[in-house]
């Protein structure tokens, strides 16, 4: 039996294994990059959602102060790149035990970007005060 021929026939097999391992590692690397990119976008969007909530809350506070001081509580403004729209309506009420009073219904909506964009965020909050 000639062992030299047997060893020389297997030289290409290691090359096939090495190429297979390189392809598998490249695919795993590409999957990890894609996964990390998705996680980054998700956490960025979560921060933007929290900022939108705070901007809408600021709109409610602004509308509440204006309504209680007898001013118009409807308006639009920009807070940290968020467009905030505040709507306000009122209704008079009269109860025997409380007398007559006014109820304000204040709605505040904060938006970032345009609907349909990947980074679009919107929050809408409502409040009723007497």
N, C-alpha and C. Protein backbone atom coordinates (compact mmCIF):
# COMPACT_ATOMS: atom_id res chain seq x y z
N UNK A 1 0.84 -1.18 0.00
CA UNK A 1 0.00 0.00 0.00
C UNK A 1 0.88 1.24 0.00
N UNK A 2 0.56 2.14 -0.84
CA UNK A 2 1.35 3.36 -1.01
C UNK A 2 0.67 4.47 -0.20
N UNK A 3 1.22 4.83 0.94
CA UNK A 3 0.62 5.87 1.79
C UNK A 3 0.84 7.25 1.25
N UNK A 4 1.83 7.44 0.44
CA UNK A 4 2.09 8.75 -0.13
C UNK A 4 0.96 9.19 -1.05
N UNK A 5 0.42 8.30 -1.85
CA UNK A 5 -0.69 8.64 -2.74
C UNK A 5 -1.96 8.93 -1.93
N UNK A 6 -2.20 8.17 -0.87
CA UNK A 6 -3.38 8.36 -0.04
C UNK A 6 -3.38 9.74 0.61
N UNK A 7 -2.27 10.23 1.11
CA UNK A 7 -2.16 11.55 1.74
C UNK A 7 -2.28 12.65 0.70
N UNK A 8 -1.70 12.49 -0.43
CA UNK A 8 -1.75 13.54 -1.45
C UNK A 8 -3.14 13.71 -2.03
N UNK A 9 -4.01 12.70 -1.98
CA UNK A 9 -5.37 12.82 -2.48
C UNK A 9 -6.26 13.67 -1.59
N UNK A 10 -5.89 13.90 -0.35
CA UNK A 10 -6.74 14.62 0.60
C UNK A 10 -6.33 16.08 0.79
N UNK A 11 -5.42 16.60 0.05
CA UNK A 11 -4.97 17.98 0.24
C UNK A 11 -6.07 18.99 -0.03
N UNK A 12 -6.95 18.82 -0.94
CA UNK A 12 -8.01 19.77 -1.28
C UNK A 12 -9.16 19.77 -0.29
N UNK A 13 -9.29 18.73 0.51
CA UNK A 13 -10.40 18.64 1.45
C UNK A 13 -10.31 19.72 2.53
N UNK A 14 -9.13 20.06 2.99
CA UNK A 14 -8.96 21.10 3.99
C UNK A 14 -9.35 22.46 3.43
N UNK A 15 -9.09 22.69 2.17
CA UNK A 15 -9.47 23.94 1.51
C UNK A 15 -10.99 24.08 1.48
N UNK A 16 -11.71 23.01 1.21
CA UNK A 16 -13.18 23.03 1.20
C UNK A 16 -13.70 23.36 2.59
N UNK A 17 -13.14 22.77 3.62
CA UNK A 17 -13.55 23.05 4.99
C UNK A 17 -13.29 24.51 5.35
N UNK A 18 -12.13 25.02 4.97
CA UNK A 18 -11.79 26.41 5.29
C UNK A 18 -12.74 27.38 4.60
N UNK A 19 -13.08 27.13 3.35
CA UNK A 19 -14.02 28.01 2.62
C UNK A 19 -15.40 27.93 3.26
N UNK A 20 -15.84 26.74 3.64
CA UNK A 20 -17.14 26.58 4.30
C UNK A 20 -17.18 27.37 5.60
N UNK A 21 -16.14 27.25 6.40
CA UNK A 21 -16.09 27.97 7.69
C UNK A 21 -16.09 29.49 7.45
N UNK A 22 -15.35 29.96 6.46
CA UNK A 22 -15.33 31.40 6.16
C UNK A 22 -16.71 31.91 5.72
N UNK A 23 -17.40 31.13 4.90
CA UNK A 23 -18.74 31.53 4.45
C UNK A 23 -19.70 31.58 5.63
N UNK A 24 -19.66 30.58 6.49
CA UNK A 24 -20.55 30.55 7.66
C UNK A 24 -20.25 31.73 8.58
N UNK A 25 -18.98 32.03 8.83
CA UNK A 25 -18.63 33.17 9.69
C UNK A 25 -19.04 34.49 9.06
N UNK A 26 -18.91 34.61 7.76
CA UNK A 26 -19.34 35.85 7.09
C UNK A 26 -20.85 36.04 7.21
N UNK A 27 -21.61 34.96 7.06
CA UNK A 27 -23.07 35.05 7.21
C UNK A 27 -23.46 35.41 8.64
N UNK A 28 -22.78 34.81 9.62
CA UNK A 28 -23.06 35.15 11.01
C UNK A 28 -22.72 36.61 11.30
N UNK A 29 -21.62 37.09 10.77
CA UNK A 29 -21.23 38.50 10.95
C UNK A 29 -22.25 39.44 10.33
N UNK A 30 -22.73 39.12 9.13
CA UNK A 30 -23.73 39.96 8.47
C UNK A 30 -25.04 39.97 9.27
N UNK A 31 -25.43 38.82 9.81
CA UNK A 31 -26.65 38.76 10.62
C UNK A 31 -26.52 39.58 11.89
N UNK A 32 -25.35 39.56 12.52
CA UNK A 32 -25.15 40.34 13.75
C UNK A 32 -25.18 41.83 13.46
N UNK A 33 -24.57 42.25 12.35
CA UNK A 33 -24.60 43.67 11.99
C UNK A 33 -26.03 44.12 11.75
N UNK A 34 -26.81 43.30 11.07
CA UNK A 34 -28.21 43.66 10.81
C UNK A 34 -29.01 43.71 12.11
N UNK A 35 -28.78 42.76 13.00
CA UNK A 35 -29.48 42.73 14.29
C UNK A 35 -29.13 43.95 15.14
N UNK A 36 -27.87 44.30 15.20
CA UNK A 36 -27.46 45.46 15.98
C UNK A 36 -28.01 46.75 15.40
N UNK A 37 -28.09 46.84 14.08
CA UNK A 37 -28.69 48.02 13.45
C UNK A 37 -30.16 48.16 13.80
N UNK A 38 -30.87 47.03 13.84
CA UNK A 38 -32.29 47.05 14.23
C UNK A 38 -32.49 47.46 15.66
N UNK A 39 -31.61 46.97 16.55
CA UNK A 39 -31.71 47.34 17.96
C UNK A 39 -31.42 48.82 18.15
N UNK A 40 -30.48 49.34 17.41
CA UNK A 40 -30.15 50.76 17.52
C UNK A 40 -31.33 51.62 17.08
N UNK A 41 -31.96 51.24 15.98
CA UNK A 41 -33.12 52.00 15.50
C UNK A 41 -34.27 51.91 16.49
N UNK A 42 -34.47 50.75 17.12
CA UNK A 42 -35.55 50.57 18.08
C UNK A 42 -35.33 51.44 19.31
N UNK A 43 -34.11 51.47 19.82
CA UNK A 43 -33.85 52.28 21.01
C UNK A 43 -33.93 53.77 20.69
N UNK A 44 -33.52 54.16 19.51
CA UNK A 44 -33.65 55.57 19.10
C UNK A 44 -35.12 55.96 19.02
N UNK A 45 -35.94 55.09 18.46
CA UNK A 45 -37.37 55.38 18.36
C UNK A 45 -38.03 55.43 19.74
N UNK A 46 -37.58 54.60 20.68
CA UNK A 46 -38.13 54.63 22.04
C UNK A 46 -37.81 55.96 22.73
N UNK A 47 -36.61 56.47 22.51
CA UNK A 47 -36.25 57.78 23.07
C UNK A 47 -37.11 58.88 22.45
N UNK A 48 -37.32 58.81 21.15
CA UNK A 48 -38.16 59.81 20.47
C UNK A 48 -39.61 59.76 20.97
N UNK A 49 -40.10 58.56 21.26
CA UNK A 49 -41.46 58.44 21.78
C UNK A 49 -41.57 59.08 23.16
N UNK A 50 -40.56 58.90 24.00
CA UNK A 50 -40.56 59.53 25.32
C UNK A 50 -40.49 61.04 25.19
N UNK A 51 -39.70 61.53 24.25
CA UNK A 51 -39.60 62.98 24.02
C UNK A 51 -40.93 63.54 23.50
N UNK A 52 -41.61 62.78 22.64
CA UNK A 52 -42.91 63.22 22.12
C UNK A 52 -43.93 63.32 23.25
N UNK A 53 -43.91 62.36 24.16
CA UNK A 53 -44.82 62.40 25.31
C UNK A 53 -44.57 63.66 26.15
N UNK A 54 -43.30 63.95 26.41
CA UNK A 54 -42.97 65.13 27.21
C UNK A 54 -43.36 66.42 26.50
N UNK A 55 -43.19 66.47 25.18
CA UNK A 55 -43.59 67.66 24.42
C UNK A 55 -45.10 67.84 24.47
N UNK A 56 -45.85 66.74 24.34
CA UNK A 56 -47.32 66.82 24.44
C UNK A 56 -47.74 67.23 25.85
N UNK A 57 -47.04 66.74 26.86
CA UNK A 57 -47.33 67.12 28.25
C UNK A 57 -47.08 68.62 28.44
N UNK A 58 -46.03 69.15 27.84
CA UNK A 58 -45.75 70.59 27.91
C UNK A 58 -46.87 71.39 27.26
N UNK A 59 -47.40 70.87 26.17
CA UNK A 59 -48.54 71.53 25.52
C UNK A 59 -49.76 71.57 26.42
N UNK A 60 -50.01 70.48 27.15
CA UNK A 60 -51.14 70.46 28.09
C UNK A 60 -50.94 71.49 29.20
N UNK A 61 -49.72 71.57 29.72
CA UNK A 61 -49.44 72.54 30.78
C UNK A 61 -49.63 73.97 30.26
N UNK A 62 -49.14 74.23 29.07
CA UNK A 62 -49.27 75.55 28.47
C UNK A 62 -50.75 75.90 28.31
N UNK A 63 -51.54 74.95 27.77
CA UNK A 63 -52.97 75.20 27.58
C UNK A 63 -53.71 75.38 28.89
N UNK A 64 -53.32 74.63 29.92
CA UNK A 64 -53.97 74.74 31.22
C UNK A 64 -53.74 76.11 31.84
N UNK A 65 -52.51 76.57 31.82
CA UNK A 65 -52.20 77.89 32.40
C UNK A 65 -52.95 78.99 31.65
N UNK A 66 -52.96 78.90 30.32
CA UNK A 66 -53.65 79.93 29.54
C UNK A 66 -55.16 79.89 29.79
N UNK A 67 -55.74 78.69 29.89
CA UNK A 67 -57.18 78.60 30.11
C UNK A 67 -57.55 79.15 31.48
N UNK A 68 -56.77 78.83 32.51
CA UNK A 68 -57.09 79.29 33.86
C UNK A 68 -56.87 80.78 34.03
N UNK A 69 -56.04 81.38 33.18
CA UNK A 69 -55.82 82.83 33.24
C UNK A 69 -56.74 83.60 32.30
N UNK A 70 -57.67 82.91 31.66
CA UNK A 70 -58.65 83.58 30.82
C UNK A 70 -58.16 83.90 29.42
N UNK A 71 -57.04 83.35 29.01
CA UNK A 71 -56.51 83.58 27.66
C UNK A 71 -56.93 82.45 26.73
N UNK A 72 -56.69 82.64 25.44
CA UNK A 72 -56.97 81.59 24.47
C UNK A 72 -55.99 80.45 24.69
N UNK A 73 -56.51 79.24 24.80
CA UNK A 73 -55.64 78.10 25.06
C UNK A 73 -55.47 77.22 23.83
N UNK A 74 -55.63 77.80 22.66
CA UNK A 74 -55.39 77.10 21.41
C UNK A 74 -54.18 77.73 20.74
N UNK A 75 -53.24 76.88 20.29
CA UNK A 75 -52.06 77.42 19.63
C UNK A 75 -51.14 76.32 19.16
N UNK A 76 -50.12 76.73 18.42
CA UNK A 76 -49.10 75.80 17.95
C UNK A 76 -47.73 76.39 18.25
N UNK A 77 -46.77 75.53 18.56
CA UNK A 77 -45.41 75.96 18.80
C UNK A 77 -44.48 74.76 18.62
N UNK A 78 -43.17 75.03 18.67
CA UNK A 78 -42.15 73.99 18.47
C UNK A 78 -41.34 73.86 19.75
N UNK A 79 -41.19 72.62 20.22
CA UNK A 79 -40.35 72.32 21.38
C UNK A 79 -39.37 71.23 20.95
N UNK A 80 -38.09 71.53 20.93
CA UNK A 80 -37.03 70.56 20.63
C UNK A 80 -37.36 69.74 19.37
N UNK A 81 -37.66 70.41 18.29
CA UNK A 81 -37.96 69.81 16.98
C UNK A 81 -39.31 69.11 16.91
N UNK A 82 -40.13 69.18 17.93
CA UNK A 82 -41.47 68.60 17.92
C UNK A 82 -42.48 69.71 17.66
N UNK A 83 -43.37 69.49 16.72
CA UNK A 83 -44.47 70.42 16.47
C UNK A 83 -45.59 70.08 17.45
N UNK A 84 -45.97 71.05 18.26
CA UNK A 84 -46.99 70.83 19.27
C UNK A 84 -48.21 71.67 18.92
N UNK A 85 -49.37 71.02 18.81
CA UNK A 85 -50.64 71.69 18.54
C UNK A 85 -51.53 71.50 19.75
N UNK A 86 -52.05 72.61 20.26
CA UNK A 86 -52.92 72.58 21.43
C UNK A 86 -54.30 73.09 21.02
N UNK A 87 -55.31 72.28 21.29
CA UNK A 87 -56.70 72.64 21.01
C UNK A 87 -57.44 72.75 22.33
N UNK A 88 -58.36 73.67 22.39
CA UNK A 88 -59.07 73.88 23.64
C UNK A 88 -60.52 74.26 23.33
N UNK A 89 -61.44 73.64 24.04
CA UNK A 89 -62.83 74.10 23.99
C UNK A 89 -63.37 74.11 25.41
N UNK A 90 -64.43 74.84 25.57
CA UNK A 90 -64.98 74.99 26.92
C UNK A 90 -66.49 74.86 26.87
N UNK A 91 -67.03 74.50 28.02
CA UNK A 91 -68.49 74.44 28.15
C UNK A 91 -68.87 74.92 29.56
N UNK A 92 -69.93 75.67 29.61
CA UNK A 92 -70.40 76.17 30.90
C UNK A 92 -71.29 75.12 31.54
N UNK A 93 -71.20 75.04 32.85
CA UNK A 93 -72.00 74.07 33.58
C UNK A 93 -72.56 74.74 34.84
N UNK A 94 -73.69 74.25 35.30
CA UNK A 94 -74.31 74.84 36.48
C UNK A 94 -74.87 73.70 37.33
N UNK A 95 -74.40 73.64 38.56
CA UNK A 95 -74.91 72.65 39.50
C UNK A 95 -75.37 73.38 40.75
N UNK A 96 -76.37 72.83 41.38
CA UNK A 96 -76.93 73.49 42.56
C UNK A 96 -75.91 73.61 43.68
N UNK A 97 -75.14 72.56 43.91
CA UNK A 97 -74.20 72.59 45.04
C UNK A 97 -72.92 73.37 44.72
N UNK A 98 -72.51 73.42 43.46
CA UNK A 98 -71.27 74.09 43.08
C UNK A 98 -71.48 75.44 42.41
N UNK A 99 -72.66 75.70 41.97
CA UNK A 99 -72.91 76.93 41.23
C UNK A 99 -72.50 76.76 39.78
N UNK A 100 -72.26 77.87 39.11
CA UNK A 100 -71.88 77.79 37.69
C UNK A 100 -70.35 77.80 37.57
N UNK A 101 -69.86 77.05 36.62
CA UNK A 101 -68.42 76.96 36.38
C UNK A 101 -68.19 76.57 34.93
N UNK A 102 -66.95 76.64 34.51
CA UNK A 102 -66.57 76.32 33.13
C UNK A 102 -65.65 75.09 33.14
N UNK A 103 -65.92 74.16 32.22
CA UNK A 103 -65.06 72.99 32.05
C UNK A 103 -64.28 73.17 30.75
N UNK A 104 -62.96 73.08 30.84
CA UNK A 104 -62.10 73.16 29.66
C UNK A 104 -61.65 71.76 29.26
N UNK A 105 -61.73 71.49 27.99
CA UNK A 105 -61.21 70.23 27.44
C UNK A 105 -60.01 70.61 26.56
N UNK A 106 -58.80 70.22 27.02
CA UNK A 106 -57.57 70.60 26.34
C UNK A 106 -56.95 69.35 25.72
N UNK A 107 -56.59 69.45 24.44
CA UNK A 107 -55.93 68.37 23.73
C UNK A 107 -54.60 68.88 23.20
N UNK A 108 -53.55 68.11 23.43
CA UNK A 108 -52.21 68.48 22.97
C UNK A 108 -51.65 67.33 22.15
N UNK A 109 -51.15 67.64 20.96
CA UNK A 109 -50.56 66.62 20.09
C UNK A 109 -49.17 67.07 19.67
N UNK A 110 -48.19 66.22 19.93
CA UNK A 110 -46.79 66.50 19.56
C UNK A 110 -46.39 65.52 18.46
N UNK A 111 -45.82 66.03 17.38
CA UNK A 111 -45.38 65.18 16.28
C UNK A 111 -43.95 65.52 15.89
N UNK A 112 -43.24 64.51 15.42
CA UNK A 112 -41.89 64.67 14.91
C UNK A 112 -41.84 64.01 13.54
N UNK A 113 -41.35 64.70 12.54
CA UNK A 113 -41.25 64.22 11.17
C UNK A 113 -42.64 64.18 10.53
N UNK A 114 -42.75 63.49 9.41
CA UNK A 114 -44.01 63.40 8.69
C UNK A 114 -44.51 61.96 8.71
N UNK A 115 -45.83 61.82 8.67
CA UNK A 115 -46.44 60.49 8.67
C UNK A 115 -45.93 59.71 7.46
N UNK A 116 -45.53 58.48 7.68
CA UNK A 116 -45.01 57.65 6.61
C UNK A 116 -43.50 57.54 6.63
N UNK A 117 -42.82 58.50 7.29
CA UNK A 117 -41.37 58.42 7.42
C UNK A 117 -41.00 57.42 8.51
N UNK A 118 -39.80 56.88 8.42
CA UNK A 118 -39.34 55.88 9.39
C UNK A 118 -39.24 56.46 10.79
N UNK A 119 -38.88 57.74 10.91
CA UNK A 119 -38.68 58.35 12.22
C UNK A 119 -39.89 59.14 12.72
N UNK A 120 -41.07 58.89 12.15
CA UNK A 120 -42.28 59.60 12.57
C UNK A 120 -42.71 59.15 13.95
N UNK A 121 -42.98 60.13 14.83
CA UNK A 121 -43.46 59.86 16.18
C UNK A 121 -44.56 60.87 16.48
N UNK A 122 -45.61 60.42 17.14
CA UNK A 122 -46.72 61.31 17.51
C UNK A 122 -47.31 60.86 18.84
N UNK A 123 -47.64 61.82 19.69
CA UNK A 123 -48.32 61.55 20.95
C UNK A 123 -49.43 62.57 21.13
N UNK A 124 -50.56 62.09 21.60
CA UNK A 124 -51.72 62.95 21.82
C UNK A 124 -52.21 62.74 23.24
N UNK A 125 -52.33 63.83 23.99
CA UNK A 125 -52.79 63.78 25.37
C UNK A 125 -53.99 64.71 25.52
N UNK A 126 -54.87 64.36 26.46
CA UNK A 126 -56.07 65.17 26.71
C UNK A 126 -56.20 65.41 28.21
N UNK A 127 -56.84 66.53 28.53
CA UNK A 127 -57.07 66.88 29.93
C UNK A 127 -58.37 67.68 30.03
N UNK A 128 -59.11 67.44 31.09
CA UNK A 128 -60.29 68.24 31.40
C UNK A 128 -60.03 68.93 32.74
N UNK A 129 -60.28 70.22 32.77
CA UNK A 129 -60.10 70.97 34.01
C UNK A 129 -61.33 71.83 34.27
N UNK A 130 -61.52 72.16 35.52
CA UNK A 130 -62.65 72.99 35.93
C UNK A 130 -62.12 74.23 36.58
